[in-house]
Amino acid sequence: MSCKQNEVDAIEIGDTLYTNQSLEHNKKLTELITQALNKDSNALSELTEFWCGGGAGCYDLGFVTTQLVYRIGENEFIKMADKLTVKQKSSLRGLLSVGFEYGNYTDKNIVTEFPKLNKLLTE
């Protein structure tokens, strides 16, 4: 029986990311998700730099980030994201963009769903 988690407090971790993770990486990711849900900006910072294995694994991490913004709320998420470096903001914007694409959101994207966050991430 695997001890890895593919969900944290209803935040889904996509199959490619979950399957290709070591137990140690999965544990770290689940901790970061929990901390982010508790509005920890350091956890968000680490998530923008989290090793996702490339390809579909990074799309899965993008989907995780979109779920976090929806759960936390755009305004609260902006408070967390405001503390990121320019590079981290760029990474976060990329994650959110692919998260919308890969997460099968119909006709949704970062610009339409999170306009204020998008503005912060593109400044």
Protein backbone atom coordinates (compact mmCIF):
# COMPACT_ATOMS: atom_id res chain seq x y z
CA MET A 1 0.00 0.00 0.00
CA SER A 2 1.41 3.34 -1.03
CA CYS A 3 1.67 6.09 1.53
CA LYS A 4 1.61 8.80 -1.13
CA GLN A 5 -1.36 11.15 -1.30
CA ASN A 6 -3.11 12.20 -4.52
CA GLU A 7 -5.34 14.69 -2.73
CA VAL A 8 -4.90 17.20 0.08
CA ASP A 9 -8.02 18.71 1.62
CA ALA A 10 -9.89 18.29 -1.70
CA ILE A 11 -6.96 19.72 -3.73
CA GLU A 12 -6.31 17.09 -6.39
CA ILE A 13 -2.76 16.13 -7.36
CA GLY A 14 -2.84 14.94 -10.97
CA ASP A 15 -1.84 11.40 -11.89
CA THR A 16 1.41 12.14 -13.71
CA LEU A 17 2.81 14.27 -10.91
CA TYR A 18 1.58 11.87 -8.23
CA THR A 19 2.71 8.69 -9.97
CA ASN A 20 6.20 9.95 -10.84
CA GLN A 21 6.94 11.37 -7.39
CA SER A 22 9.00 9.67 -4.75
CA LEU A 23 7.37 9.31 -1.37
CA GLU A 24 9.65 12.11 -0.12
CA HIS A 25 8.64 14.52 -2.92
CA ASN A 26 4.97 13.68 -2.44
CA LYS A 27 5.21 14.33 1.28
CA LYS A 28 6.87 17.70 0.63
CA LEU A 29 4.22 18.66 -1.93
CA THR A 30 1.36 17.74 0.37
CA GLU A 31 2.95 19.77 3.17
CA LEU A 32 3.32 22.77 0.85
CA ILE A 33 -0.32 22.49 -0.24
CA THR A 34 -1.47 22.37 3.39
CA GLN A 35 0.71 25.36 4.29
CA ALA A 36 -0.53 27.30 1.25
CA LEU A 37 -4.13 26.60 2.27
CA ASN A 38 -3.16 28.16 5.61
CA LYS A 39 -2.04 31.25 3.64
CA ASP A 40 1.69 30.71 4.14
CA SER A 41 3.47 32.83 1.51
CA ASN A 42 6.71 30.86 2.02
CA ALA A 43 4.88 27.71 0.92
CA LEU A 44 3.69 29.49 -2.21
CA SER A 45 7.25 30.57 -2.89
CA GLU A 46 8.42 26.96 -2.61
CA LEU A 47 5.57 25.73 -4.82
CA THR A 48 6.70 28.02 -7.64
CA GLU A 49 10.10 26.29 -7.52
CA PHE A 50 8.89 22.75 -6.79
CA TRP A 51 10.36 20.03 -8.99
CA CYS A 52 7.49 18.69 -11.07
CA GLY A 53 9.46 16.42 -13.38
CA GLY A 54 8.73 18.37 -16.56
CA GLY A 55 5.92 17.87 -19.08
CA ALA A 56 2.60 16.64 -17.77
CA GLY A 57 3.83 16.65 -14.18
CA CYS A 58 4.21 20.42 -14.39
CA TYR A 59 0.74 20.73 -15.89
CA ASP A 60 -0.49 18.82 -12.85
CA LEU A 61 1.33 21.25 -10.55
CA GLY A 62 -0.32 24.08 -12.48
CA PHE A 63 -3.70 22.51 -11.83
CA VAL A 64 -2.83 22.34 -8.11
CA THR A 65 -2.11 26.09 -8.14
CA THR A 66 -5.40 26.95 -9.86
CA GLN A 67 -7.26 24.94 -7.23
CA LEU A 68 -5.39 26.80 -4.49
CA VAL A 69 -6.38 30.22 -5.87
CA TYR A 70 -10.03 29.16 -6.12
CA ARG A 71 -9.98 27.78 -2.57
CA ILE A 72 -8.09 30.65 -0.93
CA GLY A 73 -9.72 33.37 -3.00
CA GLU A 74 -8.04 35.77 -5.40
CA ASN A 75 -7.62 38.65 -2.92
CA GLU A 76 -6.05 36.50 -0.20
CA PHE A 77 -3.89 34.72 -2.76
CA ILE A 78 -2.64 38.10 -4.03
CA LYS A 79 -1.43 38.93 -0.52
CA MET A 80 0.64 35.73 -0.59
CA ALA A 81 1.89 36.23 -4.17
CA ASP A 82 2.88 39.84 -3.55
CA LYS A 83 5.89 38.59 -1.56
CA LEU A 84 7.27 36.53 -4.46
CA THR A 85 10.32 37.51 -6.47
CA VAL A 86 9.89 38.57 -10.10
CA LYS A 87 11.12 35.12 -11.20
CA GLN A 88 8.69 33.34 -8.86
CA LYS A 89 5.80 35.51 -10.08
CA SER A 90 6.64 34.56 -13.64
CA SER A 91 6.78 30.87 -12.69
CA LEU A 92 3.45 31.16 -10.89
CA ARG A 93 1.82 32.81 -13.90
CA GLY A 94 3.13 29.99 -16.09
CA LEU A 95 1.83 27.36 -13.69
CA LEU A 96 -1.60 28.97 -13.57
CA SER A 97 -1.74 29.28 -17.35
CA VAL A 98 -0.98 25.60 -17.93
CA GLY A 99 -3.19 24.67 -15.00
CA PHE A 100 -6.17 26.20 -16.73
CA GLU A 101 -5.28 24.51 -20.00
CA TYR A 102 -4.57 21.10 -18.52
CA GLY A 103 -7.22 21.26 -15.79
CA ASN A 104 -9.95 21.11 -18.44
CA TYR A 105 -11.51 24.40 -17.48
CA THR A 106 -13.88 25.30 -20.30
CA ASP A 107 -13.31 28.82 -21.59
CA LYS A 108 -11.40 29.87 -18.47
CA ASN A 109 -7.93 31.30 -18.13
CA ILE A 110 -5.91 33.40 -15.73
CA VAL A 111 -7.00 36.67 -17.36
CA THR A 112 -10.74 35.98 -17.13
CA GLU A 113 -10.72 34.16 -13.78
CA PHE A 114 -8.11 36.09 -11.80
CA PRO A 115 -7.63 39.51 -13.45
CA LYS A 116 -6.15 41.20 -10.37
CA LEU A 117 -3.74 38.32 -9.76
CA ASN A 118 -2.78 38.31 -13.44
CA LYS A 119 -1.97 42.02 -13.20
CA LEU A 120 0.28 41.44 -10.18
CA LEU A 121 2.08 38.57 -11.90
CA THR A 122 2.74 40.55 -15.10
CA GLU A 123 3.95 43.81 -13.52
